[in-house]
Amino acid sequence: MWKLKIADGGNNPYIYSTNNFVGRQIWEFDPDYGIPEERAEVKAARENYWKNRFQVRPSSDLLWRMQFLKEKRFKQTIRQVKVENEEEITYETATTAMRRAAHFLP
């Protein structure tokens, strides 16, 4: 499974950095990382991206979000807002939806 590695510190003698690789991000593959359910989730996300690759922006970073939400043990506590067809969107509905989206982002 692919895992995002951030600011490793540069243990490679052929790479040099003055800021200890702050901001450097590398995807590395580890076939034994995660449990089988997580690997199945990643496989499903990759297949979904492959099917919709011409409609979805490549920067959607679904694998990154999955990894970070798992590491932070994220639980959504703000209620989900559903708007039916032709229903008027109130200020409270929009605010709740925005708060939920902002809470989701790491």
PDB file of N, CA and C in Angstrom:
ATOM      1  N   MET A   1       0.844  -1.164   0.000  1.00  0.00           N
ATOM      2  CA  MET A   1       0.000   0.000   0.000  1.00  0.00           C
ATOM      3  C   MET A   1       0.899   1.238   0.000  1.00  0.00           C
ATOM      4  N   TRP A   2       0.423   2.304  -0.602  1.00  0.00           N
ATOM      5  CA  TRP A   2       1.179   3.545  -0.670  1.00  0.00           C
ATOM      6  C   TRP A   2       0.983   4.338   0.607  1.00  0.00           C
ATOM      7  N   LYS A   3       2.070   4.933   1.093  1.00  0.00           N
ATOM      8  CA  LYS A   3       2.019   5.748   2.301  1.00  0.00           C
ATOM      9  C   LYS A   3       2.774   7.039   2.046  1.00  0.00           C
ATOM     10  N   LEU A   4       2.214   8.155   2.495  1.00  0.00           N
ATOM     11  CA  LEU A   4       2.845   9.451   2.321  1.00  0.00           C
ATOM     12  C   LEU A   4       3.845   9.675   3.447  1.00  0.00           C
ATOM     13  N   LYS A   5       5.074   9.979   3.065  1.00  0.00           N
ATOM     14  CA  LYS A   5       6.138  10.239   4.010  1.00  0.00           C
ATOM     15  C   LYS A   5       6.495  11.719   3.895  1.00  0.00           C
ATOM     16  N   ILE A   6       6.483  12.437   5.011  1.00  0.00           N
ATOM     17  CA  ILE A   6       6.717  13.882   4.990  1.00  0.00           C
ATOM     18  C   ILE A   6       7.979  14.217   5.771  1.00  0.00           C
ATOM     19  N   ALA A   7       8.869  15.010   5.162  1.00  0.00           N
ATOM     20  CA  ALA A   7      10.077  15.545   5.799  1.00  0.00           C
ATOM     21  C   ALA A   7      10.845  14.463   6.548  1.00  0.00           C
ATOM     22  N   ASP A   8      11.368  13.510   5.810  1.00  0.00           N
ATOM     23  CA  ASP A   8      12.072  12.376   6.386  1.00  0.00           C
ATOM     24  C   ASP A   8      13.325  12.780   7.152  1.00  0.00           C
ATOM     25  N   GLY A   9      13.983  13.833   6.771  1.00  0.00           N
ATOM     26  CA  GLY A   9      15.206  14.237   7.435  1.00  0.00           C
ATOM     27  C   GLY A   9      16.434  13.916   6.614  1.00  0.00           C
ATOM     28  N   GLY A  10      16.267  13.228   5.526  1.00  0.00           N
ATOM     29  CA  GLY A  10      17.362  12.994   4.593  1.00  0.00           C
ATOM     30  C   GLY A  10      18.450  12.071   5.084  1.00  0.00           C
ATOM     31  N   ASN A  11      18.166  10.810   5.173  1.00  0.00           N
ATOM     32  CA  ASN A  11      19.178   9.840   5.569  1.00  0.00           C
ATOM     33  C   ASN A  11      20.035   9.392   4.392  1.00  0.00           C
ATOM     34  N   ASN A  12      19.750   9.895   3.214  1.00  0.00           N
ATOM     35  CA  ASN A  12      20.514   9.560   2.022  1.00  0.00           C
ATOM     36  C   ASN A  12      21.683  10.537   1.900  1.00  0.00           C
ATOM     37  N   PRO A  13      22.920  10.042   1.822  1.00  0.00           N
ATOM     38  CA  PRO A  13      24.069  10.956   1.760  1.00  0.00           C
ATOM     39  C   PRO A  13      24.156  11.728   0.443  1.00  0.00           C
ATOM     40  N   TYR A  14      23.427  11.321  -0.581  1.00  0.00           N
ATOM     41  CA  TYR A  14      23.478  11.989  -1.874  1.00  0.00           C
ATOM     42  C   TYR A  14      22.466  13.118  -2.011  1.00  0.00           C
ATOM     43  N   ILE A  15      21.610  13.292  -0.984  1.00  0.00           N
ATOM     44  CA  ILE A  15      20.611  14.361  -1.003  1.00  0.00           C
ATOM     45  C   ILE A  15      20.959  15.354   0.098  1.00  0.00           C
ATOM     46  N   TYR A  16      20.897  16.647  -0.232  1.00  0.00           N
ATOM     47  CA  TYR A  16      21.262  17.692   0.719  1.00  0.00           C
ATOM     48  C   TYR A  16      20.117  18.695   0.853  1.00  0.00           C
ATOM     49  N   SER A  17      19.891  19.173   2.079  1.00  0.00           N
ATOM     50  CA  SER A  17      18.861  20.174   2.304  1.00  0.00           C
ATOM     51  C   SER A  17      19.303  21.112   3.420  1.00  0.00           C
ATOM     52  N   THR A  18      19.034  22.397   3.266  1.00  0.00           N
ATOM     53  CA  THR A  18      19.369  23.368   4.318  1.00  0.00           C
ATOM     54  C   THR A  18      18.259  23.508   5.349  1.00  0.00           C
ATOM     55  N   ASN A  19      17.053  23.012   5.046  1.00  0.00           N
ATOM     56  CA  ASN A  19      15.928  23.149   5.978  1.00  0.00           C
ATOM     57  C   ASN A  19      15.411  21.797   6.463  1.00  0.00           C
ATOM     58  N   ASN A  20      16.261  20.772   6.435  1.00  0.00           N
ATOM     59  CA  ASN A  20      15.915  19.431   6.913  1.00  0.00           C
ATOM     60  C   ASN A  20      14.694  18.855   6.192  1.00  0.00           C
ATOM     61  N   PHE A  21      14.577  19.170   4.905  1.00  0.00           N
ATOM     62  CA  PHE A  21      13.543  18.626   4.027  1.00  0.00           C
ATOM     63  C   PHE A  21      12.129  18.983   4.455  1.00  0.00           C
ATOM     64  N   VAL A  22      11.946  20.143   5.099  1.00  0.00           N
ATOM     65  CA  VAL A  22      10.619  20.606   5.466  1.00  0.00           C
ATOM     66  C   VAL A  22       9.841  20.864   4.186  1.00  0.00           C
ATOM     67  N   GLY A  23       8.654  20.303   4.087  1.00  0.00           N
ATOM     68  CA  GLY A  23       7.828  20.460   2.901  1.00  0.00           C
ATOM     69  C   GLY A  23       8.038  19.377   1.864  1.00  0.00           C
ATOM     70  N   ARG A  24       9.041  18.534   2.024  1.00  0.00           N
ATOM     71  CA  ARG A  24       9.290  17.467   1.062  1.00  0.00           C
ATOM     72  C   ARG A  24       8.341  16.306   1.363  1.00  0.00           C
ATOM     73  N   GLN A  25       7.630  15.863   0.339  1.00  0.00           N
ATOM     74  CA  GLN A  25       6.673  14.781   0.499  1.00  0.00           C
ATOM     75  C   GLN A  25       6.975  13.697  -0.523  1.00  0.00           C
ATOM     76  N   ILE A  26       7.023  12.460  -0.054  1.00  0.00           N
ATOM     77  CA  ILE A  26       7.340  11.333  -0.918  1.00  0.00           C
ATOM     78  C   ILE A  26       6.316  10.225  -0.658  1.00  0.00           C
ATOM     79  N   TRP A  27       5.799   9.660  -1.741  1.00  0.00           N
ATOM     80  CA  TRP A  27       4.945   8.478  -1.611  1.00  0.00           C
ATOM     81  C   TRP A  27       5.856   7.263  -1.678  1.00  0.00           C
ATOM     82  N   GLU A  28       5.751   6.374  -0.704  1.00  0.00           N
ATOM     83  CA  GLU A  28       6.545   5.152  -0.748  1.00  0.00           C
ATOM     84  C   GLU A  28       5.611   3.947  -0.644  1.00  0.00           C
ATOM     85  N   PHE A  29       6.002   2.878  -1.298  1.00  0.00           N
ATOM     86  CA  PHE A  29       5.158   1.680  -1.350  1.00  0.00           C
ATOM     87  C   PHE A  29       5.636   0.676  -0.318  1.00  0.00           C
ATOM     88  N   ASP A  30       4.709   0.203   0.504  1.00  0.00           N
ATOM     89  CA  ASP A  30       4.988  -0.841   1.479  1.00  0.00           C
ATOM     90  C   ASP A  30       3.897  -1.899   1.327  1.00  0.00           C
ATOM     91  N   PRO A  31       4.246  -3.078   0.787  1.00  0.00           N
ATOM     92  CA  PRO A  31       3.209  -4.087   0.526  1.00  0.00           C
ATOM     93  C   PRO A  31       2.563  -4.650   1.789  1.00  0.00           C
ATOM     94  N   ASP A  32       3.219  -4.503   2.959  1.00  0.00           N
ATOM     95  CA  ASP A  32       2.688  -5.061   4.202  1.00  0.00           C
ATOM     96  C   ASP A  32       2.051  -4.014   5.099  1.00  0.00           C
ATOM     97  N   TYR A  33       1.932  -2.769   4.622  1.00  0.00           N
ATOM     98  CA  TYR A  33       1.379  -1.703   5.462  1.00  0.00           C
ATOM     99  C   TYR A  33      -0.139  -1.829   5.553  1.00  0.00           C
ATOM    100  N   GLY A  34      -0.670  -1.674   6.754  1.00  0.00           N
ATOM    101  CA  GLY A  34      -2.120  -1.676   6.949  1.00  0.00           C
ATOM    102  C   GLY A  34      -2.711  -3.070   7.047  1.00  0.00           C
ATOM    103  N   ILE A  35      -3.974  -3.084   7.430  1.00  0.00           N
ATOM    104  CA  ILE A  35      -4.704  -4.342   7.549  1.00  0.00           C
ATOM    105  C   ILE A  35      -5.394  -4.630   6.217  1.00  0.00           C
ATOM    106  N   PRO A  36      -5.849  -5.847   6.006  1.00  0.00           N
ATOM    107  CA  PRO A  36      -6.478  -6.183   4.719  1.00  0.00           C
ATOM    108  C   PRO A  36      -7.664  -5.292   4.344  1.00  0.00           C
ATOM    109  N   GLU A  37      -8.442  -4.846   5.327  1.00  0.00           N
ATOM    110  CA  GLU A  37      -9.574  -3.970   5.027  1.00  0.00           C
ATOM    111  C   GLU A  37      -9.101  -2.635   4.467  1.00  0.00           C
ATOM    112  N   GLU A  38      -8.005  -2.093   5.040  1.00  0.00           N
ATOM    113  CA  GLU A  38      -7.463  -0.831   4.543  1.00  0.00           C
ATOM    114  C   GLU A  38      -6.918  -0.995   3.130  1.00  0.00           C
ATOM    115  N   ARG A  39      -6.247  -2.113   2.886  1.00  0.00           N
ATOM    116  CA  ARG A  39      -5.730  -2.373   1.539  1.00  0.00           C
ATOM    117  C   ARG A  39      -6.867  -2.481   0.537  1.00  0.00           C
ATOM    118  N   ALA A  40      -7.982  -3.088   0.961  1.00  0.00           N
ATOM    119  CA  ALA A  40      -9.147  -3.190   0.077  1.00  0.00           C
ATOM    120  C   ALA A  40      -9.738  -1.804  -0.200  1.00  0.00           C
ATOM    121  N   GLU A  41      -9.757  -0.923   0.824  1.00  0.00           N
ATOM    122  CA  GLU A  41     -10.239   0.447   0.626  1.00  0.00           C
ATOM    123  C   GLU A  41      -9.381   1.187  -0.384  1.00  0.00           C
ATOM    124  N   VAL A  42      -8.068   1.037  -0.254  1.00  0.00           N
ATOM    125  CA  VAL A  42      -7.145   1.714  -1.174  1.00  0.00           C
ATOM    126  C   VAL A  42      -7.323   1.179  -2.584  1.00  0.00           C
ATOM    127  N   LYS A  43      -7.488  -0.135  -2.707  1.00  0.00           N
ATOM    128  CA  LYS A  43      -7.694  -0.733  -4.024  1.00  0.00           C
ATOM    129  C   LYS A  43      -8.992  -0.215  -4.650  1.00  0.00           C
ATOM    130  N   ALA A  44     -10.056  -0.120  -3.833  1.00  0.00           N
ATOM    131  CA  ALA A  44     -11.332   0.393  -4.339  1.00  0.00           C
ATOM    132  C   ALA A  44     -11.204   1.856  -4.757  1.00  0.00           C
ATOM    133  N   ALA A  45     -10.460   2.656  -3.981  1.00  0.00           N
ATOM    134  CA  ALA A  45     -10.263   4.069  -4.327  1.00  0.00           C
ATOM    135  C   ALA A  45      -9.486   4.189  -5.638  1.00  0.00           C
ATOM    136  N   ARG A  46      -8.476   3.360  -5.811  1.00  0.00           N
ATOM    137  CA  ARG A  46      -7.690   3.399  -7.047  1.00  0.00           C
ATOM    138  C   ARG A  46      -8.535   2.989  -8.253  1.00  0.00           C
ATOM    139  N   GLU A  47      -9.350   1.939  -8.090  1.00  0.00           N
ATOM    140  CA  GLU A  47     -10.211   1.503  -9.186  1.00  0.00           C
ATOM    141  C   GLU A  47     -11.253   2.566  -9.525  1.00  0.00           C
ATOM    142  N   ASN A  48     -11.807   3.218  -8.496  1.00  0.00           N
ATOM    143  CA  ASN A  48     -12.781   4.284  -8.724  1.00  0.00           C
ATOM    144  C   ASN A  48     -12.131   5.448  -9.467  1.00  0.00           C
ATOM    145  N   TYR A  49     -10.908   5.795  -9.076  1.00  0.00           N
ATOM    146  CA  TYR A  49     -10.215   6.873  -9.781  1.00  0.00           C
ATOM    147  C   TYR A  49      -9.966   6.479 -11.236  1.00  0.00           C
ATOM    148  N   TRP A  50      -9.557   5.233 -11.446  1.00  0.00           N
ATOM    149  CA  TRP A  50      -9.258   4.776 -12.810  1.00  0.00           C
ATOM    150  C   TRP A  50     -10.504   4.854 -13.699  1.00  0.00           C
ATOM    151  N   LYS A  51     -11.661   4.475 -13.149  1.00  0.00           N
ATOM    152  CA  LYS A  51     -12.902   4.528 -13.926  1.00  0.00           C
ATOM    153  C   LYS A  51     -13.311   5.962 -14.250  1.00  0.00           C
ATOM    154  N   ASN A  52     -13.046   6.892 -13.318  1.00  0.00           N
ATOM    155  CA  ASN A  52     -13.478   8.281 -13.472  1.00  0.00           C
ATOM    156  C   ASN A  52     -12.322   9.232 -13.725  1.00  0.00           C
ATOM    157  N   ARG A  53     -11.217   8.743 -14.249  1.00  0.00           N
ATOM    158  CA  ARG A  53     -10.006   9.562 -14.364  1.00  0.00           C
ATOM    159  C   ARG A  53     -10.143  10.749 -15.292  1.00  0.00           C
ATOM    160  N   PHE A  54     -11.122  10.741 -16.183  1.00  0.00           N
ATOM    161  CA  PHE A  54     -11.293  11.873 -17.080  1.00  0.00           C
ATOM    162  C   PHE A  54     -12.282  12.906 -16.533  1.00  0.00           C
ATOM    163  N   GLN A  55     -12.995  12.568 -15.456  1.00  0.00           N
ATOM    164  CA  GLN A  55     -13.936  13.496 -14.850  1.00  0.00           C
ATOM    165  C   GLN A  55     -13.423  14.058 -13.514  1.00  0.00           C
ATOM    166  N   VAL A  56     -12.510  13.357 -12.841  1.00  0.00           N
ATOM    167  CA  VAL A  56     -12.032  13.744 -11.518  1.00  0.00           C
ATOM    168  C   VAL A  56     -10.675  14.409 -11.638  1.00  0.00           C
ATOM    169  N   ARG A  57     -10.469  15.486 -10.887  1.00  0.00           N
ATOM    170  CA  ARG A  57      -9.166  16.137 -10.874  1.00  0.00           C
ATOM    171  C   ARG A  57      -8.143  15.221 -10.198  1.00  0.00           C
ATOM    172  N   PRO A  58      -6.923  15.153 -10.701  1.00  0.00           N
ATOM    173  CA  PRO A  58      -5.922  14.290 -10.088  1.00  0.00           C
ATOM    174  C   PRO A  58      -5.509  14.755  -8.701  1.00  0.00           C
ATOM    175  N   SER A  59      -5.793  15.987  -8.350  1.00  0.00           N
ATOM    176  CA  SER A  59      -5.369  16.495  -7.052  1.00  0.00           C
ATOM    177  C   SER A  59      -6.393  16.235  -5.951  1.00  0.00           C
ATOM    178  N   SER A  60      -7.325  15.320  -6.150  1.00  0.00           N
ATOM    179  CA  SER A  60      -8.323  15.068  -5.120  1.00  0.00           C
ATOM    180  C   SER A  60      -7.720  14.388  -3.895  1.00  0.00           C
ATOM    181  N   ASP A  61      -6.564  13.748  -4.019  1.00  0.00           N
ATOM    182  CA  ASP A  61      -5.782  13.214  -2.899  1.00  0.00           C
ATOM    183  C   ASP A  61      -6.581  12.320  -1.955  1.00  0.00           C
ATOM    184  N   LEU A  62      -7.330  11.405  -2.489  1.00  0.00           N
ATOM    185  CA  LEU A  62      -8.143  10.526  -1.657  1.00  0.00           C
ATOM    186  C   LEU A  62      -7.273   9.634  -0.773  1.00  0.00           C
ATOM    187  N   LEU A  63      -6.167   9.113  -1.304  1.00  0.00           N
ATOM    188  CA  LEU A  63      -5.289   8.264  -0.493  1.00  0.00           C
ATOM    189  C   LEU A  63      -4.695   9.046   0.669  1.00  0.00           C
ATOM    190  N   TRP A  64      -4.317  10.287   0.419  1.00  0.00           N
ATOM    191  CA  TRP A  64      -3.765  11.136   1.474  1.00  0.00           C
ATOM    192  C   TRP A  64      -4.798  11.371   2.577  1.00  0.00           C
ATOM    193  N   ARG A  65      -6.028  11.690   2.179  1.00  0.00           N
ATOM    194  CA  ARG A  65      -7.087  11.921   3.162  1.00  0.00           C
ATOM    195  C   ARG A  65      -7.364  10.681   3.991  1.00  0.00           C
ATOM    196  N   MET A  66      -7.403   9.523   3.337  1.00  0.00           N
ATOM    197  CA  MET A  66      -7.658   8.284   4.062  1.00  0.00           C
ATOM    198  C   MET A  66      -6.573   8.043   5.104  1.00  0.00           C
ATOM    199  N   GLN A  67      -5.320   8.243   4.725  1.00  0.00           N
ATOM    200  CA  GLN A  67      -4.204   8.013   5.638  1.00  0.00           C
ATOM    201  C   GLN A  67      -4.245   8.979   6.820  1.00  0.00           C
ATOM    202  N   PHE A  68      -4.440  10.274   6.556  1.00  0.00           N
ATOM    203  CA  PHE A  68      -4.424  11.244   7.629  1.00  0.00           C
ATOM    204  C   PHE A  68      -5.622  11.106   8.561  1.00  0.00           C
ATOM    205  N   LEU A  69      -6.794  10.809   8.026  1.00  0.00           N
ATOM    206  CA  LEU A  69      -7.967  10.640   8.887  1.00  0.00           C
ATOM    207  C   LEU A  69      -7.802   9.419   9.783  1.00  0.00           C
ATOM    208  N   LYS A  70      -7.169   8.378   9.261  1.00  0.00           N
ATOM    209  CA  LYS A  70      -6.933   7.183  10.069  1.00  0.00           C
ATOM    210  C   LYS A  70      -5.919   7.474  11.170  1.00  0.00           C
ATOM    211  N   GLU A  71      -4.851   8.191  10.846  1.00  0.00           N
ATOM    212  CA  GLU A  71      -3.822   8.500  11.835  1.00  0.00           C
ATOM    213  C   GLU A  71      -4.345   9.424  12.923  1.00  0.00           C
ATOM    214  N   LYS A  72      -5.245  10.335  12.585  1.00  0.00           N
ATOM    215  CA  LYS A  72      -5.797  11.269  13.567  1.00  0.00           C
ATOM    216  C   LYS A  72      -7.002  10.701  14.305  1.00  0.00           C
ATOM    217  N   ARG A  73      -7.451   9.506  13.909  1.00  0.00           N
ATOM    218  CA  ARG A  73      -8.650   8.872  14.498  1.00  0.00           C
ATOM    219  C   ARG A  73      -9.842   9.839  14.425  1.00  0.00           C
ATOM    220  N   PHE A  74     -10.089  10.338  13.232  1.00  0.00           N
ATOM    221  CA  PHE A  74     -11.114  11.343  12.993  1.00  0.00           C
ATOM    222  C   PHE A  74     -12.517  10.751  13.109  1.00  0.00           C
ATOM    223  N   LYS A  75     -13.377  11.431  13.835  1.00  0.00           N
ATOM    224  CA  LYS A  75     -14.799  11.084  13.919  1.00  0.00           C
ATOM    225  C   LYS A  75     -15.592  12.353  13.653  1.00  0.00           C
ATOM    226  N   GLN A  76     -16.486  12.319  12.683  1.00  0.00           N
ATOM    227  CA  GLN A  76     -17.305  13.491  12.349  1.00  0.00           C
ATOM    228  C   GLN A  76     -18.378  13.653  13.410  1.00  0.00           C
ATOM    229  N   THR A  77     -18.425  14.817  14.068  1.00  0.00           N
ATOM    230  CA  THR A  77     -19.398  15.059  15.132  1.00  0.00           C
ATOM    231  C   THR A  77     -20.496  16.029  14.716  1.00  0.00           C
ATOM    232  N   ILE A  78     -20.309  16.720  13.609  1.00  0.00           N
ATOM    233  CA  ILE A  78     -21.307  17.675  13.134  1.00  0.00           C
ATOM    234  C   ILE A  78     -22.314  16.930  12.262  1.00  0.00           C
ATOM    235  N   ARG A  79     -23.593  17.165  12.504  1.00  0.00           N
ATOM    236  CA  ARG A  79     -24.634  16.413  11.799  1.00  0.00           C
ATOM    237  C   ARG A  79     -24.601  16.694  10.297  1.00  0.00           C
ATOM    238  N   GLN A  80     -25.020  15.717   9.514  1.00  0.00           N
ATOM    239  CA  GLN A  80     -25.071  15.855   8.061  1.00  0.00           C
ATOM    240  C   GLN A  80     -26.333  16.598   7.656  1.00  0.00           C
ATOM    241  N   VAL A  81     -26.191  17.492   6.693  1.00  0.00           N
ATOM    242  CA  VAL A  81     -27.318  18.280   6.202  1.00  0.00           C
ATOM    243  C   VAL A  81     -27.715  17.739   4.839  1.00  0.00           C
ATOM    244  N   LYS A  82     -28.999  17.461   4.674  1.00  0.00           N
ATOM    245  CA  LYS A  82     -29.508  16.999   3.385  1.00  0.00           C
ATOM    246  C   LYS A  82     -30.532  17.993   2.875  1.00  0.00           C
ATOM    247  N   VAL A  83     -30.354  18.389   1.626  1.00  0.00           N
ATOM    248  CA  VAL A  83     -31.277  19.333   0.994  1.00  0.00           C
ATOM    249  C   VAL A  83     -32.002  18.593  -0.119  1.00  0.00           C
ATOM    250  N   GLU A  84     -33.306  18.587  -0.046  1.00  0.00           N
ATOM    251  CA  GLU A  84     -34.118  17.912  -1.058  1.00  0.00           C
ATOM    252  C   GLU A  84     -34.277  18.805  -2.282  1.00  0.00           C
ATOM    253  N   ASN A  85     -34.779  18.246  -3.364  1.00  0.00           N
ATOM    254  CA  ASN A  85     -35.015  19.019  -4.584  1.00  0.00           C
ATOM    255  C   ASN A  85     -35.958  20.180  -4.315  1.00  0.00           C
ATOM    256  N   GLU A  86     -35.618  21.332  -4.868  1.00  0.00           N
ATOM    257  CA  GLU A  86     -36.415  22.554  -4.783  1.00  0.00           C
ATOM    258  C   GLU A  86     -36.646  23.034  -3.351  1.00  0.00           C
ATOM    259  N   GLU A  87     -35.872  22.555  -2.410  1.00  0.00           N
ATOM    260  CA  GLU A  87     -35.969  23.028  -1.033  1.00  0.00           C
ATOM    261  C   GLU A  87     -35.087  24.270  -0.888  1.00  0.00           C
ATOM    262  N   GLU A  88     -35.554  25.250  -0.168  1.00  0.00           N
ATOM    263  CA  GLU A  88     -34.787  26.471   0.004  1.00  0.00           C
ATOM    264  C   GLU A  88     -33.634  26.224   0.982  1.00  0.00           C
ATOM    265  N   ILE A  89     -32.466  26.727   0.637  1.00  0.00           N
ATOM    266  CA  ILE A  89     -31.283  26.558   1.480  1.00  0.00           C
ATOM    267  C   ILE A  89     -31.207  27.755   2.415  1.00  0.00           C
ATOM    268  N   THR A  90     -31.237  27.480   3.712  1.00  0.00           N
ATOM    269  CA  THR A  90     -31.204  28.547   4.706  1.00  0.00           C
ATOM    270  C   THR A  90     -29.759  28.851   5.098  1.00  0.00           C
ATOM    271  N   TYR A  91     -29.587  29.940   5.804  1.00  0.00           N
ATOM    272  CA  TYR A  91     -28.266  30.333   6.291  1.00  0.00           C
ATOM    273  C   TYR A  91     -27.711  29.259   7.228  1.00  0.00           C
ATOM    274  N   GLU A  92     -28.560  28.723   8.092  1.00  0.00           N
ATOM    275  CA  GLU A  92     -28.133  27.690   9.045  1.00  0.00           C
ATOM    276  C   GLU A  92     -27.672  26.422   8.325  1.00  0.00           C
ATOM    277  N   THR A  93     -28.388  26.016   7.281  1.00  0.00           N
ATOM    278  CA  THR A  93     -28.017  24.826   6.509  1.00  0.00           C
ATOM    279  C   THR A  93     -26.658  25.017   5.845  1.00  0.00           C
ATOM    280  N   ALA A  94     -26.459  26.166   5.221  1.00  0.00           N
ATOM    281  CA  ALA A  94     -25.184  26.442   4.556  1.00  0.00           C
ATOM    282  C   ALA A  94     -24.040  26.513   5.561  1.00  0.00           C
ATOM    283  N   THR A  95     -24.278  27.148   6.705  1.00  0.00           N
ATOM    284  CA  THR A  95     -23.246  27.264   7.732  1.00  0.00           C
ATOM    285  C   THR A  95     -22.863  25.896   8.281  1.00  0.00           C
ATOM    286  N   THR A  96     -23.844  25.057   8.536  1.00  0.00           N
ATOM    287  CA  THR A  96     -23.575  23.720   9.046  1.00  0.00           C
ATOM    288  C   THR A  96     -22.786  22.901   8.039  1.00  0.00           C
ATOM    289  N   ALA A  97     -23.146  22.978   6.772  1.00  0.00           N
ATOM    290  CA  ALA A  97     -22.427  22.241   5.732  1.00  0.00           C
ATOM    291  C   ALA A  97     -20.979  22.721   5.617  1.00  0.00           C
ATOM    292  N   MET A  98     -20.771  24.033   5.665  1.00  0.00           N
ATOM    293  CA  MET A  98     -19.407  24.572   5.602  1.00  0.00           C
ATOM    294  C   MET A  98     -18.596  24.184   6.832  1.00  0.00           C
ATOM    295  N   ARG A  99     -19.209  24.224   7.998  1.00  0.00           N
ATOM    296  CA  ARG A  99     -18.509  23.849   9.229  1.00  0.00           C
ATOM    297  C   ARG A  99     -18.116  22.374   9.174  1.00  0.00           C
ATOM    298  N   ARG A 100     -19.007  21.541   8.679  1.00  0.00           N
ATOM    299  CA  ARG A 100     -18.715  20.105   8.573  1.00  0.00           C
ATOM    300  C   ARG A 100     -17.562  19.863   7.612  1.00  0.00           C
ATOM    301  N   ALA A 101     -17.555  20.562   6.462  1.00  0.00           N
ATOM    302  CA  ALA A 101     -16.485  20.400   5.483  1.00  0.00           C
ATOM    303  C   ALA A 101     -15.147  20.890   6.039  1.00  0.00           C
ATOM    304  N   ALA A 102     -15.162  22.022   6.737  1.00  0.00           N
ATOM    305  CA  ALA A 102     -13.925  22.549   7.312  1.00  0.00           C
ATOM    306  C   ALA A 102     -13.397  21.646   8.417  1.00  0.00           C
ATOM    307  N   HIS A 103     -14.295  21.036   9.159  1.00  0.00           N
ATOM    308  CA  HIS A 103     -13.902  20.119  10.226  1.00  0.00           C
ATOM    309  C   HIS A 103     -13.272  18.844   9.657  1.00  0.00           C
ATOM    310  N   PHE A 104     -13.713  18.455   8.466  1.00  0.00           N
ATOM    311  CA  PHE A 104     -13.214  17.240   7.813  1.00  0.00           C
ATOM    312  C   PHE A 104     -11.779  17.404   7.329  1.00  0.00           C
ATOM    313  N   LEU A 105     -11.449  18.614   6.833  1.00  0.00           N
ATOM    314  CA  LEU A 105     -10.106  18.828   6.294  1.00  0.00           C
ATOM    315  C   LEU A 105      -9.073  18.833   7.412  1.00  0.00           C
ATOM    316  N   PRO A 106      -7.962  18.107   7.198  1.00  0.00           N
ATOM    317  CA  PRO A 106      -6.910  18.082   8.242  1.00  0.00           C
ATOM    318  C   PRO A 106      -6.147  19.368   8.309  1.00  0.00           C
TER     319      PRO A 106
END
